[in-house]
C-alpha atoms as a PDB file:
ATOM      1  CA  MET A   1      43.393 -37.678 -37.245  1.00  0.00           C
ATOM      2  CA  ALA A   2      40.197 -38.805 -38.938  1.00  0.00           C
ATOM      3  CA  ASP A   3      39.842 -40.991 -42.025  1.00  0.00           C
ATOM      4  CA  SER A   4      37.765 -38.281 -43.676  1.00  0.00           C
ATOM      5  CA  ARG A   5      36.048 -34.982 -43.009  1.00  0.00           C
ATOM      6  CA  ASP A   6      32.746 -36.772 -42.376  1.00  0.00           C
ATOM      7  CA  ASP A   7      34.140 -39.551 -40.177  1.00  0.00           C
ATOM      8  CA  PRO A   8      33.089 -38.941 -36.534  1.00  0.00           C
ATOM      9  CA  ASP A   9      35.927 -41.076 -35.141  1.00  0.00           C
ATOM     10  CA  LEU A  10      39.501 -40.088 -34.319  1.00  0.00           C
ATOM     11  CA  PHE A  11      42.698 -42.081 -34.141  1.00  0.00           C
ATOM     12  CA  TRP A  12      46.219 -41.305 -32.962  1.00  0.00           C
ATOM     13  CA  ILE A  13      49.385 -41.788 -35.031  1.00  0.00           C
ATOM     14  CA  GLU A  14      52.996 -41.924 -33.868  1.00  0.00           C
ATOM     15  CA  PRO A  15      55.068 -41.932 -37.088  1.00  0.00           C
ATOM     16  CA  LYS A  16      58.378 -43.794 -37.165  1.00  0.00           C
ATOM     17  CA  GLN A  17      59.801 -40.950 -39.238  1.00  0.00           C
ATOM     18  CA  ARG A  18      58.987 -37.398 -38.177  1.00  0.00           C
ATOM     19  CA  ALA A  19      59.211 -34.227 -40.252  1.00  0.00           C
ATOM     20  CA  ILE A  20      60.649 -31.085 -38.709  1.00  0.00           C
ATOM     21  CA  LEU A  21      61.692 -27.760 -40.186  1.00  0.00           C
ATOM     22  CA  PRO A  22      64.935 -26.549 -38.559  1.00  0.00           C
ATOM     23  CA  LEU A  23      64.354 -22.869 -37.859  1.00  0.00           C
ATOM     24  CA  ASP A  24      67.828 -21.948 -39.106  1.00  0.00           C
ATOM     25  CA  ARG A  25      67.467 -23.931 -42.343  1.00  0.00           C
ATOM     26  CA  PHE A  26      64.327 -22.505 -43.920  1.00  0.00           C
ATOM     27  CA  HIS A  27      64.966 -22.308 -47.662  1.00  0.00           C
ATOM     28  CA  CYS A  28      63.929 -18.903 -48.945  1.00  0.00           C
ATOM     29  CA  SER A  29      64.367 -19.017 -52.709  1.00  0.00           C
ATOM     30  CA  ARG A  30      65.010 -15.894 -54.730  1.00  0.00           C
ATOM     31  CA  SER A  31      61.479 -16.034 -56.085  1.00  0.00           C
ATOM     32  CA  LEU A  32      59.984 -16.323 -52.583  1.00  0.00           C
ATOM     33  CA  ALA A  33      62.188 -13.482 -51.323  1.00  0.00           C
ATOM     34  CA  LYS A  34      60.892 -11.371 -54.214  1.00  0.00           C
ATOM     35  CA  VAL A  35      57.283 -12.186 -53.283  1.00  0.00           C
ATOM     36  CA  LEU A  36      57.948 -11.320 -49.631  1.00  0.00           C
ATOM     37  CA  LYS A  37      59.572  -7.998 -50.513  1.00  0.00           C
ATOM     38  CA  SER A  38      56.737  -7.096 -52.877  1.00  0.00           C
ATOM     39  CA  GLY A  39      54.219  -6.995 -50.028  1.00  0.00           C
ATOM     40  CA  ARG A  40      51.755  -8.916 -52.201  1.00  0.00           C
ATOM     41  CA  PHE A  41      50.042 -10.314 -49.117  1.00  0.00           C
ATOM     42  CA  GLY A  42      48.971  -8.758 -45.856  1.00  0.00           C
ATOM     43  CA  VAL A  43      49.955 -11.093 -43.011  1.00  0.00           C
ATOM     44  CA  THR A  44      48.314 -11.376 -39.590  1.00  0.00           C
ATOM     45  CA  CYS A  45      48.457 -13.635 -36.557  1.00  0.00           C
ATOM     46  CA  ASN A  46      45.322 -15.039 -34.885  1.00  0.00           C
ATOM     47  CA  ALA A  47      43.022 -12.743 -36.878  1.00  0.00           C
ATOM     48  CA  ALA A  48      40.919 -15.553 -38.386  1.00  0.00           C
ATOM     49  CA  PHE A  49      41.740 -18.829 -36.635  1.00  0.00           C
ATOM     50  CA  ALA A  50      38.372 -20.504 -37.248  1.00  0.00           C
ATOM     51  CA  GLU A  51      38.431 -19.497 -40.913  1.00  0.00           C
ATOM     52  CA  VAL A  52      41.945 -20.902 -41.351  1.00  0.00           C
ATOM     53  CA  ILE A  53      41.103 -24.305 -39.910  1.00  0.00           C
ATOM     54  CA  ALA A  54      37.906 -24.415 -42.008  1.00  0.00           C
ATOM     55  CA  ALA A  55      39.925 -23.636 -45.141  1.00  0.00           C
ATOM     56  CA  CYS A  56      42.476 -26.325 -44.250  1.00  0.00           C
ATOM     57  CA  ALA A  57      39.639 -28.859 -43.944  1.00  0.00           C
ATOM     58  CA  ALA A  58      37.893 -27.777 -47.159  1.00  0.00           C
ATOM     59  CA  PRO A  59      38.235 -29.817 -50.397  1.00  0.00           C
ATOM     60  CA  ARG A  60      41.083 -28.806 -52.704  1.00  0.00           C
ATOM     61  CA  PRO A  61      42.049 -30.064 -56.169  1.00  0.00           C
ATOM     62  CA  ASP A  62      45.115 -31.859 -54.774  1.00  0.00           C
ATOM     63  CA  HIS A  63      43.357 -32.876 -51.531  1.00  0.00           C
ATOM     64  CA  PRO A  64      39.713 -33.775 -52.260  1.00  0.00           C
ATOM     65  CA  ASP A  65      39.264 -35.085 -48.710  1.00  0.00           C
ATOM     66  CA  SER A  66      40.677 -34.122 -45.342  1.00  0.00           C
ATOM     67  CA  TRP A  67      41.778 -35.695 -42.074  1.00  0.00           C
ATOM     68  CA  ILE A  68      40.223 -32.717 -40.224  1.00  0.00           C
ATOM     69  CA  ASN A  69      36.687 -33.544 -39.108  1.00  0.00           C
ATOM     70  CA  GLU A  70      34.437 -31.321 -37.004  1.00  0.00           C
ATOM     71  CA  LYS A  71      35.533 -32.962 -33.749  1.00  0.00           C
ATOM     72  CA  ILE A  72      39.156 -32.052 -34.517  1.00  0.00           C
ATOM     73  CA  ALA A  73      38.239 -28.545 -35.671  1.00  0.00           C
ATOM     74  CA  ALA A  74      36.210 -27.941 -32.504  1.00  0.00           C
ATOM     75  CA  SER A  75      39.101 -29.177 -30.335  1.00  0.00           C
ATOM     76  CA  TYR A  76      41.537 -26.767 -31.967  1.00  0.00           C
ATOM     77  CA  ARG A  77      39.100 -23.884 -31.728  1.00  0.00           C
ATOM     78  CA  ALA A  78      38.924 -24.614 -27.986  1.00  0.00           C
ATOM     79  CA  LEU A  79      42.733 -24.730 -27.787  1.00  0.00           C
ATOM     80  CA  HIS A  80      42.846 -21.389 -29.584  1.00  0.00           C
ATOM     81  CA  ALA A  81      40.346 -19.889 -27.142  1.00  0.00           C
ATOM     82  CA  ALA A  82      42.592 -21.109 -24.306  1.00  0.00           C
ATOM     83  CA  GLY A  83      45.632 -19.438 -25.907  1.00  0.00           C
ATOM     84  CA  HIS A  84      47.436 -22.604 -27.022  1.00  0.00           C
ATOM     85  CA  ALA A  85      46.629 -22.823 -30.760  1.00  0.00           C
ATOM     86  CA  HIS A  86      47.536 -20.073 -33.218  1.00  0.00           C
ATOM     87  CA  SER A  87      47.197 -19.164 -36.865  1.00  0.00           C
ATOM     88  CA  ILE A  88      49.035 -17.118 -39.460  1.00  0.00           C
ATOM     89  CA  GLU A  89      46.842 -15.601 -42.186  1.00  0.00           C
ATOM     90  CA  CYS A  90      47.652 -14.209 -45.634  1.00  0.00           C
ATOM     91  CA  TRP A  91      45.268 -11.660 -47.125  1.00  0.00           C
ATOM     92  CA  GLN A  92      44.883 -10.242 -50.615  1.00  0.00           C
ATOM     93  CA  ASP A  93      42.366  -7.522 -51.481  1.00  0.00           C
ATOM     94  CA  GLY A  94      40.589  -8.184 -48.193  1.00  0.00           C
ATOM     95  CA  ARG A  95      40.240 -11.934 -48.863  1.00  0.00           C
ATOM     96  CA  LEU A  96      41.797 -14.744 -46.859  1.00  0.00           C
ATOM     97  CA  VAL A  97      43.963 -16.521 -49.446  1.00  0.00           C
ATOM     98  CA  GLY A  98      46.328 -18.624 -47.364  1.00  0.00           C
ATOM     99  CA  GLY A  99      47.425 -19.566 -43.904  1.00  0.00           C
ATOM    100  CA  LEU A 100      48.376 -22.212 -41.384  1.00  0.00           C
ATOM    101  CA  TYR A 101      47.617 -23.196 -37.801  1.00  0.00           C
ATOM    102  CA  GLY A 102      49.201 -25.206 -35.039  1.00  0.00           C
ATOM    103  CA  VAL A 103      49.801 -25.590 -31.311  1.00  0.00           C
ATOM    104  CA  GLY A 104      52.565 -23.938 -29.303  1.00  0.00           C
ATOM    105  CA  PHE A 105      53.968 -25.018 -25.931  1.00  0.00           C
ATOM    106  CA  ASP A 106      57.304 -24.593 -24.185  1.00  0.00           C
ATOM    107  CA  ARG A 107      59.785 -23.950 -27.058  1.00  0.00           C
ATOM    108  CA  VAL A 108      57.823 -26.068 -29.519  1.00  0.00           C
ATOM    109  CA  PHE A 109      55.364 -25.267 -32.284  1.00  0.00           C
ATOM    110  CA  CYS A 110      53.486 -28.178 -33.869  1.00  0.00           C
ATOM    111  CA  GLY A 111      52.266 -27.148 -37.289  1.00  0.00           C
ATOM    112  CA  GLU A 112      49.015 -28.917 -38.108  1.00  0.00           C
ATOM    113  CA  SER A 113      47.930 -27.856 -41.603  1.00  0.00           C
ATOM    114  CA  MET A 114      48.167 -25.082 -44.173  1.00  0.00           C
ATOM    115  CA  PHE A 115      46.240 -23.974 -47.231  1.00  0.00           C
ATOM    116  CA  SER A 116      46.683 -21.689 -50.201  1.00  0.00           C
ATOM    117  CA  ARG A 117      44.167 -20.074 -52.542  1.00  0.00           C
ATOM    118  CA  ALA A 118      46.765 -17.866 -54.228  1.00  0.00           C
ATOM    119  CA  THR A 119      50.224 -18.691 -55.531  1.00  0.00           C
ATOM    120  CA  ASP A 120      52.876 -18.632 -52.774  1.00  0.00           C
ATOM    121  CA  ALA A 121      50.401 -17.715 -50.010  1.00  0.00           C
ATOM    122  CA  SER A 122      51.180 -20.768 -47.855  1.00  0.00           C
ATOM    123  CA  LYS A 123      54.933 -20.247 -48.389  1.00  0.00           C
ATOM    124  CA  VAL A 124      54.622 -16.661 -47.198  1.00  0.00           C
ATOM    125  CA  ALA A 125      52.657 -17.789 -44.134  1.00  0.00           C
ATOM    126  CA  LEU A 126      55.338 -20.354 -43.304  1.00  0.00           C
ATOM    127  CA  ALA A 127      58.112 -17.803 -43.786  1.00  0.00           C
ATOM    128  CA  TRP A 128      56.430 -15.466 -41.294  1.00  0.00           C
ATOM    129  CA  LEU A 129      55.906 -18.375 -38.899  1.00  0.00           C
ATOM    130  CA  VAL A 130      59.599 -19.285 -38.963  1.00  0.00           C
ATOM    131  CA  VAL A 131      60.794 -15.726 -38.278  1.00  0.00           C
ATOM    132  CA  ALA A 132      58.144 -15.186 -35.580  1.00  0.00           C
ATOM    133  CA  LEU A 133      59.156 -18.428 -33.851  1.00  0.00           C
ATOM    134  CA  ARG A 134      62.793 -17.351 -33.919  1.00  0.00           C
ATOM    135  CA  HIS A 135      61.836 -14.097 -32.219  1.00  0.00           C
ATOM    136  CA  ALA A 136      59.695 -16.020 -29.728  1.00  0.00           C
ATOM    137  CA  GLY A 137      62.650 -18.205 -28.732  1.00  0.00           C
ATOM    138  CA  ALA A 138      61.278 -21.481 -30.118  1.00  0.00           C
ATOM    139  CA  THR A 139      63.710 -24.276 -30.978  1.00  0.00           C
ATOM    140  CA  LEU A 140      61.493 -26.936 -32.582  1.00  0.00           C
ATOM    141  CA  LEU A 141      59.020 -26.641 -35.470  1.00  0.00           C
ATOM    142  CA  ASP A 142      57.245 -29.974 -35.855  1.00  0.00           C
ATOM    143  CA  CYS A 143      55.738 -30.617 -39.306  1.00  0.00           C
ATOM    144  CA  GLN A 144      54.648 -34.206 -38.529  1.00  0.00           C
ATOM    145  CA  PHE A 145      54.789 -35.667 -42.069  1.00  0.00           C
ATOM    146  CA  ILE A 146      57.149 -34.761 -44.899  1.00  0.00           C
ATOM    147  CA  THR A 147      55.750 -33.518 -48.224  1.00  0.00           C
ATOM    148  CA  GLU A 148      57.486 -32.281 -51.381  1.00  0.00           C
ATOM    149  CA  HIS A 149      56.211 -28.797 -50.584  1.00  0.00           C
ATOM    150  CA  LEU A 150      57.700 -28.805 -47.071  1.00  0.00           C
ATOM    151  CA  ALA A 151      60.938 -30.453 -48.231  1.00  0.00           C
ATOM    152  CA  SER A 152      61.421 -27.694 -50.805  1.00  0.00           C
ATOM    153  CA  LEU A 153      61.293 -25.186 -47.943  1.00  0.00           C
ATOM    154  CA  GLY A 154      63.853 -26.982 -45.797  1.00  0.00           C
ATOM    155  CA  ALA A 155      61.911 -29.631 -43.886  1.00  0.00           C
ATOM    156  CA  ILE A 156      63.729 -32.876 -43.122  1.00  0.00           C
ATOM    157  CA  GLU A 157      62.798 -36.301 -41.772  1.00  0.00           C
ATOM    158  CA  ILE A 158      64.246 -37.663 -38.557  1.00  0.00           C
ATOM    159  CA  SER A 159      63.570 -40.796 -36.542  1.00  0.00           C
ATOM    160  CA  GLN A 160      60.980 -40.773 -33.795  1.00  0.00           C
ATOM    161  CA  ASP A 161      63.765 -41.268 -31.225  1.00  0.00           C
ATOM    162  CA  GLU A 162      65.623 -38.207 -32.551  1.00  0.00           C
ATOM    163  CA  TYR A 163      62.388 -36.231 -32.489  1.00  0.00           C
ATOM    164  CA  LEU A 164      61.654 -37.184 -28.886  1.00  0.00           C
ATOM    165  CA  ASP A 165      65.170 -36.123 -27.899  1.00  0.00           C
ATOM    166  CA  LEU A 166      64.673 -32.706 -29.567  1.00  0.00           C
ATOM    167  CA  LEU A 167      61.287 -32.423 -27.885  1.00  0.00           C
ATOM    168  CA  ARG A 168      62.744 -33.129 -24.449  1.00  0.00           C
ATOM    169  CA  ARG A 169      65.481 -30.554 -24.983  1.00  0.00           C
ATOM    170  CA  ALA A 170      62.966 -27.974 -26.212  1.00  0.00           C
ATOM    171  CA  GLN A 171      60.898 -28.516 -23.073  1.00  0.00           C
ATOM    172  CA  ASP A 172      63.907 -28.485 -20.729  1.00  0.00           C
ATOM    173  CA  GLN A 173      65.136 -24.939 -21.440  1.00  0.00           C
ATOM    174  CA  ARG A 174      63.266 -23.382 -18.539  1.00  0.00           C
ATOM    175  CA  GLY A 175      65.672 -20.571 -17.726  1.00  0.00           C
ATOM    176  CA  ALA A 176      65.911 -18.949 -21.158  1.00  0.00           C
ATOM    177  CA  PRO A 177      63.412 -16.340 -22.397  1.00  0.00           C
ATOM    178  CA  TRP A 178      60.390 -17.691 -24.253  1.00  0.00           C
ATOM    179  CA  SER A 179      57.225 -16.121 -25.555  1.00  0.00           C
ATOM    180  CA  SER A 180      54.240 -17.319 -27.575  1.00  0.00           C
ATOM    181  CA  LEU A 181      53.825 -17.119 -31.341  1.00  0.00           C
ATOM    182  CA  PRO A 182      51.660 -13.945 -31.125  1.00  0.00           C
ATOM    183  CA  GLU A 183      54.350 -12.283 -29.001  1.00  0.00           C
ATOM    184  CA  GLY A 184      56.988 -13.422 -31.477  1.00  0.00           C
ATOM    185  CA  PHE A 185      54.889 -12.010 -34.322  1.00  0.00           C
ATOM    186  CA  ALA A 186      54.601  -8.693 -32.489  1.00  0.00           C
ATOM    187  CA  ALA A 187      58.365  -8.732 -31.874  1.00  0.00           C
ATOM    188  CA  VAL A 188      58.959  -9.146 -35.618  1.00  0.00           C
ATOM    189  CA  LEU A 189      56.801  -6.107 -36.359  1.00  0.00           C
ATOM    190  CA  ALA A 190      58.626  -4.091 -33.701  1.00  0.00           C
ATOM    191  CA  ALA A 191      62.042  -5.141 -34.998  1.00  0.00           C
ATOM    192  CA  ALA A 192      60.977  -4.370 -38.569  1.00  0.00           C
ATOM    193  CA  GLY A 193      59.761  -0.932 -37.511  1.00  0.00           C
ATOM    194  CA  ALA A 194      63.041  -0.225 -35.728  1.00  0.00           C
ATOM    195  CA  ALA A 195      65.021  -1.329 -38.789  1.00  0.00           C
ATOM    196  CA  ALA A 196      62.841   0.846 -41.012  1.00  0.00           C
ATOM    197  CA  GLY A 197      63.457   3.861 -38.789  1.00  0.00           C
ATOM    198  CA  ALA A 198      67.195   3.246 -38.773  1.00  0.00           C
ATOM    199  CA  ASP A 199      67.247   3.019 -42.577  1.00  0.00           C
ATOM    200  CA  GLY A 200      64.849   5.891 -43.143  1.00  0.00           C
ATOM    201  CA  ALA A 201      62.521   3.490 -44.974  1.00  0.00           C
ATOM    202  CA  GLY A 202      58.743   3.436 -44.955  1.00  0.00           C
ATOM    203  CA  ALA A 203      57.595   1.323 -41.996  1.00  0.00           C
ATOM    204  CA  ALA A 204      54.407   0.274 -43.819  1.00  0.00           C
ATOM    205  CA  SER A 205      56.332  -1.744 -46.421  1.00  0.00           C
ATOM    206  CA  TRP A 206      59.279  -2.764 -44.244  1.00  0.00           C
ATOM    207  CA  PRO A 207      57.960  -5.889 -42.419  1.00  0.00           C
ATOM    208  CA  GLU A 208      57.911  -7.950 -45.640  1.00  0.00           C
ATOM    209  CA  LYS A 209      61.450  -6.829 -46.511  1.00  0.00           C
ATOM    210  CA  PHE A 210      62.543  -7.586 -42.946  1.00  0.00           C
ATOM    211  CA  ILE A 211      61.149 -11.143 -43.209  1.00  0.00           C
ATOM    212  CA  ALA A 212      62.936 -11.715 -46.528  1.00  0.00           C
ATOM    213  CA  GLN A 213      66.217 -10.361 -45.178  1.00  0.00           C
ATOM    214  CA  SER A 214      65.941 -12.415 -41.981  1.00  0.00           C
ATOM    215  CA  LEU A 215      65.596 -15.594 -44.035  1.00  0.00           C
ATOM    216  CA  THR A 216      68.041 -14.943 -46.843  1.00  0.00           C
ATOM    217  CA  GLN A 217      70.805 -14.008 -44.413  1.00  0.00           C
ATOM    218  CA  THR A 218      70.793 -17.589 -43.090  1.00  0.00           C
ATOM    219  CA  SER A 219      69.563 -19.532 -46.146  1.00  0.00           C
END
């Protein structure tokens, strides 16, 4: 992290309490399910990684400064180019209005930051992330620090020791199938298309309904 967007220095933090979002405990409220089913946003994976990280670092009314400086942004762009960092984007009328990014390895996805320029855009991005990670075979979604926003969606705090134990277990499942976030995202689209065909529904509008159903069935 950096102290500010303009600070050239970096420092490392190991929090005593760690925030995670259990993939089977994402809280999809009725209002969020309605937004998902409406298809208000177009959702993509890795379509605008650099733009997402720039938006996460940009000033916002509730976050006038940022811990993401150019050195951090450049490092994550390099990780993305190497296939390790990924983004989820939300679009409205051709504009990027929300999204998130993070790093995936083994069965772990470390969410780094998210942003929203339209109501519920970041929630929709996180909902897609959760379902895509389930389809990818992930077992740990690391959120780093708890916020009211994340807590309202199901994130919890655990001790650093508990987190390290979950991390070890997520890295030790070598024999089971695992794929990356983009492959999990593609699997969601394929599963949604298959469900649409089985129900005789329009495939174009089905992915959003599939996401909502996937989350409300276990919420």
